[in-house]
Amino acid sequence: MTMTPLSKNHRRSIWLFLLMMIIAFPMATEGAGKTDVRNDIKCIDRIKISRDDNPWKGMTQTSRQEEMNKNIPAAQIDKETCDVFKHLSAYQINSESLLGKDKLRKKIVINSRYFSALEKADATRIPADSVKTVGKFLDTSFLSLSPRQLVRFLLDAQIITTYWHLESELCMTGEKDEKDGYTAVFTGVHRYCTNRCETQRLNFTIRINRHTGEISVAGQ
């Protein structure tokens, strides 16, 4: 049997087909096991957090930077000393931004009129039944921000971290507002990529003491 040599165009078509298959394979497997927040769960609030809105974007290249970023000093925030974040403009109190980036120190700072110094909490790694203290909200009348608004600010400002690399989708499944404190219960997922892209579930609560203003995160 005589084999007819492939033409140059035929060989090129085969190579293009193989190349397309190689490119398509990782894209097909990237979403394998992908899990979203279930639509049948009743959510009081649905929140999506993205690395595109990370106030510390460009400040996490080294482990030393990561460690330094955990501490958020309290400082005065004004246009002369700080850059502010457009996506957090809804959380202004009396036209004052709550989070800013100190232009001189290149450090993220929290508004000292309303907060003590804060420490970031990672809701993706907190063990079940463990509690991490974040700091204090100083307006214990909660007239400037309601407890629910405060929780939403802490999440949108990524002071309470809910993803590693890419994004998170959160569902507030419950809340309890009592005389002594406020508790918000969250479930959700976050997405990250290493050798392949993965999705991991989140379950945590945020608590605010109405007497002291103390903010904490607990694992579930």
C-alpha atoms as a PDB file:
ATOM      1  CA  MET A   1       0.000   0.000   0.000  1.00  0.00           C
ATOM      2  CA  THR A   2       1.412   3.351  -1.048  1.00  0.00           C
ATOM      3  CA  MET A   3       1.031   6.319   1.352  1.00  0.00           C
ATOM      4  CA  THR A   4       0.350   9.640  -0.349  1.00  0.00           C
ATOM      5  CA  PRO A   5       2.526  12.387   1.205  1.00  0.00           C
ATOM      6  CA  LEU A   6       0.551  15.085   2.992  1.00  0.00           C
ATOM      7  CA  SER A   7       0.519  18.457   1.356  1.00  0.00           C
ATOM      8  CA  LYS A   8       2.015  21.450   3.159  1.00  0.00           C
ATOM      9  CA  ASN A   9      -1.457  22.954   3.674  1.00  0.00           C
ATOM     10  CA  HIS A  10      -2.806  19.662   5.027  1.00  0.00           C
ATOM     11  CA  ARG A  11       0.073  19.384   7.520  1.00  0.00           C
ATOM     12  CA  ARG A  12      -0.520  22.968   8.617  1.00  0.00           C
ATOM     13  CA  SER A  13      -4.250  22.257   9.203  1.00  0.00           C
ATOM     14  CA  ILE A  14      -3.411  19.239  11.385  1.00  0.00           C
ATOM     15  CA  TRP A  15      -0.940  21.242  13.475  1.00  0.00           C
ATOM     16  CA  LEU A  16      -3.469  24.068  13.932  1.00  0.00           C
ATOM     17  CA  PHE A  17      -6.097  21.548  15.059  1.00  0.00           C
ATOM     18  CA  LEU A  18      -3.714  19.986  17.605  1.00  0.00           C
ATOM     19  CA  LEU A  19      -2.688  23.424  18.880  1.00  0.00           C
ATOM     20  CA  MET A  20      -6.333  24.430  19.380  1.00  0.00           C
ATOM     21  CA  MET A  21      -6.986  21.212  21.328  1.00  0.00           C
ATOM     22  CA  ILE A  22      -4.000  21.885  23.615  1.00  0.00           C
ATOM     23  CA  ILE A  23      -5.209  25.428  24.329  1.00  0.00           C
ATOM     24  CA  ALA A  24      -8.829  24.373  24.836  1.00  0.00           C
ATOM     25  CA  PHE A  25      -8.049  21.546  27.297  1.00  0.00           C
ATOM     26  CA  PRO A  26      -6.957  23.737  30.248  1.00  0.00           C
ATOM     27  CA  MET A  27      -9.917  26.047  29.629  1.00  0.00           C
ATOM     28  CA  ALA A  28     -12.277  23.078  29.793  1.00  0.00           C
ATOM     29  CA  THR A  29     -10.752  21.751  33.011  1.00  0.00           C
ATOM     30  CA  GLU A  30     -10.331  25.152  34.650  1.00  0.00           C
ATOM     31  CA  GLY A  31     -13.958  25.215  35.712  1.00  0.00           C
ATOM     32  CA  ALA A  32     -14.058  21.576  36.779  1.00  0.00           C
ATOM     33  CA  GLY A  33     -15.727  21.288  40.136  1.00  0.00           C
ATOM     34  CA  LYS A  34     -16.742  24.942  39.991  1.00  0.00           C
ATOM     35  CA  THR A  35     -19.188  25.798  42.780  1.00  0.00           C
ATOM     36  CA  ASP A  36     -21.267  28.942  43.034  1.00  0.00           C
ATOM     37  CA  VAL A  37     -23.416  30.235  45.858  1.00  0.00           C
ATOM     38  CA  ARG A  38     -26.573  28.194  45.407  1.00  0.00           C
ATOM     39  CA  ASN A  39     -29.536  30.118  44.035  1.00  0.00           C
ATOM     40  CA  ASP A  40     -31.939  28.209  46.282  1.00  0.00           C
ATOM     41  CA  ILE A  41     -30.314  29.641  49.434  1.00  0.00           C
ATOM     42  CA  LYS A  42     -32.279  32.565  50.823  1.00  0.00           C
ATOM     43  CA  CYS A  43     -29.850  35.485  51.171  1.00  0.00           C
ATOM     44  CA  ILE A  44     -30.494  38.652  53.132  1.00  0.00           C
ATOM     45  CA  ASP A  45     -27.668  40.166  51.081  1.00  0.00           C
ATOM     46  CA  ARG A  46     -25.466  38.891  48.242  1.00  0.00           C
ATOM     47  CA  ILE A  47     -21.981  40.360  47.953  1.00  0.00           C
ATOM     48  CA  LYS A  48     -19.235  39.868  45.358  1.00  0.00           C
ATOM     49  CA  ILE A  49     -15.682  40.826  46.317  1.00  0.00           C
ATOM     50  CA  SER A  50     -12.942  41.130  43.664  1.00  0.00           C
ATOM     51  CA  ARG A  51      -9.196  41.608  43.704  1.00  0.00           C
ATOM     52  CA  ASP A  52      -9.762  44.486  41.271  1.00  0.00           C
ATOM     53  CA  ASP A  53     -11.105  46.514  44.214  1.00  0.00           C
ATOM     54  CA  ASN A  54      -8.388  45.495  46.667  1.00  0.00           C
ATOM     55  CA  PRO A  55      -7.093  48.651  48.458  1.00  0.00           C
ATOM     56  CA  TRP A  56      -3.762  46.824  48.926  1.00  0.00           C
ATOM     57  CA  LYS A  57      -3.403  46.086  45.209  1.00  0.00           C
ATOM     58  CA  GLY A  58       0.276  46.320  44.225  1.00  0.00           C
ATOM     59  CA  MET A  59       1.354  46.143  47.868  1.00  0.00           C
ATOM     60  CA  THR A  60       1.520  42.356  48.295  1.00  0.00           C
ATOM     61  CA  GLN A  61       4.593  41.300  46.318  1.00  0.00           C
ATOM     62  CA  THR A  62       6.518  39.956  49.310  1.00  0.00           C
ATOM     63  CA  SER A  63       5.689  38.087  52.512  1.00  0.00           C
ATOM     64  CA  ARG A  64       7.038  41.075  54.484  1.00  0.00           C
ATOM     65  CA  GLN A  65       4.549  43.366  52.729  1.00  0.00           C
ATOM     66  CA  GLU A  66       1.746  40.885  53.432  1.00  0.00           C
ATOM     67  CA  GLU A  67       2.658  40.889  57.120  1.00  0.00           C
ATOM     68  CA  MET A  68       2.826  44.680  57.286  1.00  0.00           C
ATOM     69  CA  ASN A  69      -0.544  44.981  55.558  1.00  0.00           C
ATOM     70  CA  LYS A  70      -2.261  43.112  58.383  1.00  0.00           C
ATOM     71  CA  ASN A  71      -2.040  46.163  60.624  1.00  0.00           C
ATOM     72  CA  ILE A  72      -4.120  49.203  59.677  1.00  0.00           C
ATOM     73  CA  PRO A  73      -3.185  52.353  61.633  1.00  0.00           C
ATOM     74  CA  ALA A  74      -5.863  54.866  62.587  1.00  0.00           C
ATOM     75  CA  ALA A  75      -5.198  58.321  61.148  1.00  0.00           C
ATOM     76  CA  GLN A  76      -6.868  61.480  59.934  1.00  0.00           C
ATOM     77  CA  ILE A  77      -8.038  61.114  56.344  1.00  0.00           C
ATOM     78  CA  ASP A  78      -8.203  64.154  54.081  1.00  0.00           C
ATOM     79  CA  LYS A  79      -7.422  64.976  50.462  1.00  0.00           C
ATOM     80  CA  GLU A  80      -4.053  66.498  51.333  1.00  0.00           C
ATOM     81  CA  THR A  81      -2.688  63.423  53.103  1.00  0.00           C
ATOM     82  CA  CYS A  82      -4.542  60.450  51.589  1.00  0.00           C
ATOM     83  CA  ASP A  83      -5.830  58.953  48.377  1.00  0.00           C
ATOM     84  CA  VAL A  84      -9.289  57.438  48.796  1.00  0.00           C
ATOM     85  CA  PHE A  85     -11.089  54.582  47.037  1.00  0.00           C
ATOM     86  CA  LYS A  86     -13.954  55.230  44.651  1.00  0.00           C
ATOM     87  CA  HIS A  87     -15.677  51.895  45.298  1.00  0.00           C
ATOM     88  CA  LEU A  88     -15.954  52.788  49.015  1.00  0.00           C
ATOM     89  CA  SER A  89     -17.525  56.217  48.490  1.00  0.00           C
ATOM     90  CA  ALA A  90     -20.928  54.943  49.675  1.00  0.00           C
ATOM     91  CA  TYR A  91     -19.484  54.521  53.169  1.00  0.00           C
ATOM     92  CA  GLN A  92     -18.571  58.145  53.817  1.00  0.00           C
ATOM     93  CA  ILE A  93     -19.676  59.663  57.152  1.00  0.00           C
ATOM     94  CA  ASN A  94     -20.243  63.438  57.117  1.00  0.00           C
ATOM     95  CA  SER A  95     -18.405  63.509  53.758  1.00  0.00           C
ATOM     96  CA  GLU A  96     -15.360  61.800  55.344  1.00  0.00           C
ATOM     97  CA  SER A  97     -13.891  58.678  53.766  1.00  0.00           C
ATOM     98  CA  LEU A  98     -13.320  55.766  56.137  1.00  0.00           C
ATOM     99  CA  LEU A  99     -10.313  54.183  54.405  1.00  0.00           C
ATOM    100  CA  GLY A 100      -7.425  55.850  52.595  1.00  0.00           C
ATOM    101  CA  LYS A 101      -3.875  55.379  51.401  1.00  0.00           C
ATOM    102  CA  ASP A 102      -1.375  57.664  53.103  1.00  0.00           C
ATOM    103  CA  LYS A 103       0.490  59.410  50.268  1.00  0.00           C
ATOM    104  CA  LEU A 104       3.720  59.816  52.233  1.00  0.00           C
ATOM    105  CA  ARG A 105       3.934  56.480  54.035  1.00  0.00           C
ATOM    106  CA  LYS A 106       2.290  54.449  51.239  1.00  0.00           C
ATOM    107  CA  LYS A 107       0.225  52.768  53.948  1.00  0.00           C
ATOM    108  CA  ILE A 108      -3.484  51.988  54.128  1.00  0.00           C
ATOM    109  CA  VAL A 109      -5.064  53.811  57.080  1.00  0.00           C
ATOM    110  CA  ILE A 110      -8.494  53.806  58.751  1.00  0.00           C
ATOM    111  CA  ASN A 111     -10.311  56.975  59.828  1.00  0.00           C
ATOM    112  CA  SER A 112      -9.316  57.670  63.455  1.00  0.00           C
ATOM    113  CA  ARG A 113     -12.536  59.583  64.131  1.00  0.00           C
ATOM    114  CA  TYR A 114     -14.567  56.389  63.788  1.00  0.00           C
ATOM    115  CA  PHE A 115     -12.167  53.466  64.284  1.00  0.00           C
ATOM    116  CA  SER A 116      -9.328  52.253  66.466  1.00  0.00           C
ATOM    117  CA  ALA A 117      -6.320  50.761  64.684  1.00  0.00           C
ATOM    118  CA  LEU A 118      -7.490  47.562  62.994  1.00  0.00           C
ATOM    119  CA  GLU A 119      -5.991  44.189  62.188  1.00  0.00           C
ATOM    120  CA  LYS A 120      -7.110  42.363  59.058  1.00  0.00           C
ATOM    121  CA  ALA A 121      -8.901  39.042  59.542  1.00  0.00           C
ATOM    122  CA  ASP A 122      -8.791  36.206  56.992  1.00  0.00           C
ATOM    123  CA  ALA A 123     -12.216  34.556  56.871  1.00  0.00           C
ATOM    124  CA  THR A 124     -10.915  31.891  54.439  1.00  0.00           C
ATOM    125  CA  ARG A 125      -8.524  30.382  56.993  1.00  0.00           C
ATOM    126  CA  ILE A 126     -10.180  30.927  60.374  1.00  0.00           C
ATOM    127  CA  PRO A 127     -10.846  27.550  62.049  1.00  0.00           C
ATOM    128  CA  ALA A 128     -14.310  26.594  63.213  1.00  0.00           C
ATOM    129  CA  ASP A 129     -15.169  28.022  66.646  1.00  0.00           C
ATOM    130  CA  SER A 130     -12.084  30.300  66.569  1.00  0.00           C
ATOM    131  CA  VAL A 131     -12.488  34.053  67.039  1.00  0.00           C
ATOM    132  CA  LYS A 132     -10.310  36.807  65.550  1.00  0.00           C
ATOM    133  CA  THR A 133     -10.565  40.363  66.896  1.00  0.00           C
ATOM    134  CA  VAL A 134     -10.359  43.086  64.228  1.00  0.00           C
ATOM    135  CA  GLY A 135     -10.567  46.255  66.339  1.00  0.00           C
ATOM    136  CA  LYS A 136     -13.213  48.757  67.436  1.00  0.00           C
ATOM    137  CA  PHE A 137     -15.822  50.993  65.840  1.00  0.00           C
ATOM    138  CA  LEU A 138     -15.897  54.114  67.997  1.00  0.00           C
ATOM    139  CA  ASP A 139     -19.443  55.345  67.367  1.00  0.00           C
ATOM    140  CA  THR A 140     -21.270  52.947  69.685  1.00  0.00           C
ATOM    141  CA  SER A 141     -24.518  54.824  69.056  1.00  0.00           C
ATOM    142  CA  PHE A 142     -24.338  53.334  65.530  1.00  0.00           C
ATOM    143  CA  LEU A 143     -26.043  56.447  64.164  1.00  0.00           C
ATOM    144  CA  SER A 144     -23.291  57.109  61.608  1.00  0.00           C
ATOM    145  CA  LEU A 145     -23.288  53.499  60.344  1.00  0.00           C
ATOM    146  CA  SER A 146     -25.720  50.748  61.259  1.00  0.00           C
ATOM    147  CA  PRO A 147     -24.147  47.404  62.254  1.00  0.00           C
ATOM    148  CA  ARG A 148     -25.168  45.895  58.901  1.00  0.00           C
ATOM    149  CA  GLN A 149     -23.594  48.811  56.994  1.00  0.00           C
ATOM    150  CA  LEU A 150     -20.446  48.447  59.096  1.00  0.00           C
ATOM    151  CA  VAL A 151     -20.211  44.741  58.249  1.00  0.00           C
ATOM    152  CA  ARG A 152     -20.668  45.498  54.556  1.00  0.00           C
ATOM    153  CA  PHE A 153     -17.945  48.151  54.708  1.00  0.00           C
ATOM    154  CA  LEU A 154     -15.473  45.754  56.375  1.00  0.00           C
ATOM    155  CA  LEU A 155     -16.082  43.222  53.592  1.00  0.00           C
ATOM    156  CA  ASP A 156     -16.014  45.672  50.664  1.00  0.00           C
ATOM    157  CA  ALA A 157     -12.879  47.325  52.082  1.00  0.00           C
ATOM    158  CA  GLN A 158     -11.343  43.840  52.358  1.00  0.00           C
ATOM    159  CA  ILE A 159     -10.395  44.442  55.980  1.00  0.00           C
ATOM    160  CA  ILE A 160     -12.097  41.090  56.487  1.00  0.00           C
ATOM    161  CA  THR A 161     -10.538  39.035  53.692  1.00  0.00           C
ATOM    162  CA  THR A 162     -12.738  36.547  51.853  1.00  0.00           C
ATOM    163  CA  TYR A 163     -10.542  35.279  48.977  1.00  0.00           C
ATOM    164  CA  TRP A 164      -6.914  34.335  48.218  1.00  0.00           C
ATOM    165  CA  HIS A 165      -6.269  35.288  44.595  1.00  0.00           C
ATOM    166  CA  LEU A 166      -9.352  36.113  42.533  1.00  0.00           C
ATOM    167  CA  GLU A 167     -12.742  36.797  44.078  1.00  0.00           C
ATOM    168  CA  SER A 168     -15.455  35.661  46.448  1.00  0.00           C
ATOM    169  CA  GLU A 169     -19.235  35.440  46.373  1.00  0.00           C
ATOM    170  CA  LEU A 170     -20.936  35.795  49.745  1.00  0.00           C
ATOM    171  CA  CYS A 171     -24.454  35.204  50.989  1.00  0.00           C
ATOM    172  CA  MET A 172     -25.645  36.642  54.297  1.00  0.00           C
ATOM    173  CA  THR A 173     -27.899  33.833  55.477  1.00  0.00           C
ATOM    174  CA  GLY A 174     -28.825  35.298  58.843  1.00  0.00           C
ATOM    175  CA  GLU A 175     -28.424  38.181  61.225  1.00  0.00           C
ATOM    176  CA  LYS A 176     -29.258  38.786  64.865  1.00  0.00           C
ATOM    177  CA  ASP A 177     -29.515  42.319  66.199  1.00  0.00           C
ATOM    178  CA  GLU A 178     -29.798  42.348  69.990  1.00  0.00           C
ATOM    179  CA  LYS A 179     -29.229  44.801  72.821  1.00  0.00           C
ATOM    180  CA  ASP A 180     -25.673  43.586  73.494  1.00  0.00           C
ATOM    181  CA  GLY A 181     -24.494  42.879  69.983  1.00  0.00           C
ATOM    182  CA  TYR A 182     -25.035  42.266  66.299  1.00  0.00           C
ATOM    183  CA  THR A 183     -24.147  39.050  64.453  1.00  0.00           C
ATOM    184  CA  ALA A 184     -24.128  38.452  60.674  1.00  0.00           C
ATOM    185  CA  VAL A 185     -23.817  34.890  59.350  1.00  0.00           C
ATOM    186  CA  PHE A 186     -22.212  34.242  55.952  1.00  0.00           C
ATOM    187  CA  THR A 187     -21.728  31.359  53.593  1.00  0.00           C
ATOM    188  CA  GLY A 188     -20.146  31.513  50.151  1.00  0.00           C
ATOM    189  CA  VAL A 189     -17.243  30.532  47.914  1.00  0.00           C
ATOM    190  CA  HIS A 190     -13.898  31.970  46.903  1.00  0.00           C
ATOM    191  CA  ARG A 191     -11.847  31.220  43.805  1.00  0.00           C
ATOM    192  CA  TYR A 192      -8.097  30.926  43.413  1.00  0.00           C
ATOM    193  CA  CYS A 193      -5.599  29.514  40.918  1.00  0.00           C
ATOM    194  CA  THR A 194      -2.332  27.642  41.507  1.00  0.00           C
ATOM    195  CA  ASN A 195      -1.541  24.830  39.049  1.00  0.00           C
ATOM    196  CA  ARG A 196      -5.267  24.793  38.323  1.00  0.00           C
ATOM    197  CA  CYS A 197      -8.231  26.946  39.282  1.00  0.00           C
ATOM    198  CA  GLU A 198     -10.170  25.871  42.355  1.00  0.00           C
ATOM    199  CA  THR A 199     -13.235  26.898  44.327  1.00  0.00           C
ATOM    200  CA  GLN A 200     -13.451  26.650  48.104  1.00  0.00           C
ATOM    201  CA  ARG A 201     -16.399  27.163  50.434  1.00  0.00           C
ATOM    202  CA  LEU A 202     -16.607  29.865  53.112  1.00  0.00           C
ATOM    203  CA  ASN A 203     -18.563  29.840  56.373  1.00  0.00           C
ATOM    204  CA  PHE A 204     -18.063  32.545  58.992  1.00  0.00           C
ATOM    205  CA  THR A 205     -19.782  35.079  61.229  1.00  0.00           C
ATOM    206  CA  ILE A 206     -19.014  38.737  61.962  1.00  0.00           C
ATOM    207  CA  ARG A 207     -19.882  40.057  65.420  1.00  0.00           C
ATOM    208  CA  ILE A 208     -20.090  43.608  66.705  1.00  0.00           C
ATOM    209  CA  ASN A 209     -20.340  44.395  70.408  1.00  0.00           C
ATOM    210  CA  ARG A 210     -22.863  47.227  70.819  1.00  0.00           C
ATOM    211  CA  HIS A 211     -21.343  48.374  74.107  1.00  0.00           C
ATOM    212  CA  THR A 212     -17.635  48.456  73.208  1.00  0.00           C
ATOM    213  CA  GLY A 213     -17.770  48.596  69.396  1.00  0.00           C
ATOM    214  CA  GLU A 214     -15.453  45.573  69.221  1.00  0.00           C
ATOM    215  CA  ILE A 215     -15.480  43.796  65.849  1.00  0.00           C
ATOM    216  CA  SER A 216     -14.653  40.086  65.589  1.00  0.00           C
ATOM    217  CA  VAL A 217     -14.800  37.252  63.047  1.00  0.00           C
ATOM    218  CA  ALA A 218     -15.593  33.667  64.006  1.00  0.00           C
ATOM    219  CA  GLY A 219     -15.199  30.454  62.025  1.00  0.00           C
ATOM    220  CA  GLN A 220     -18.068  28.024  61.553  1.00  0.00           C
END
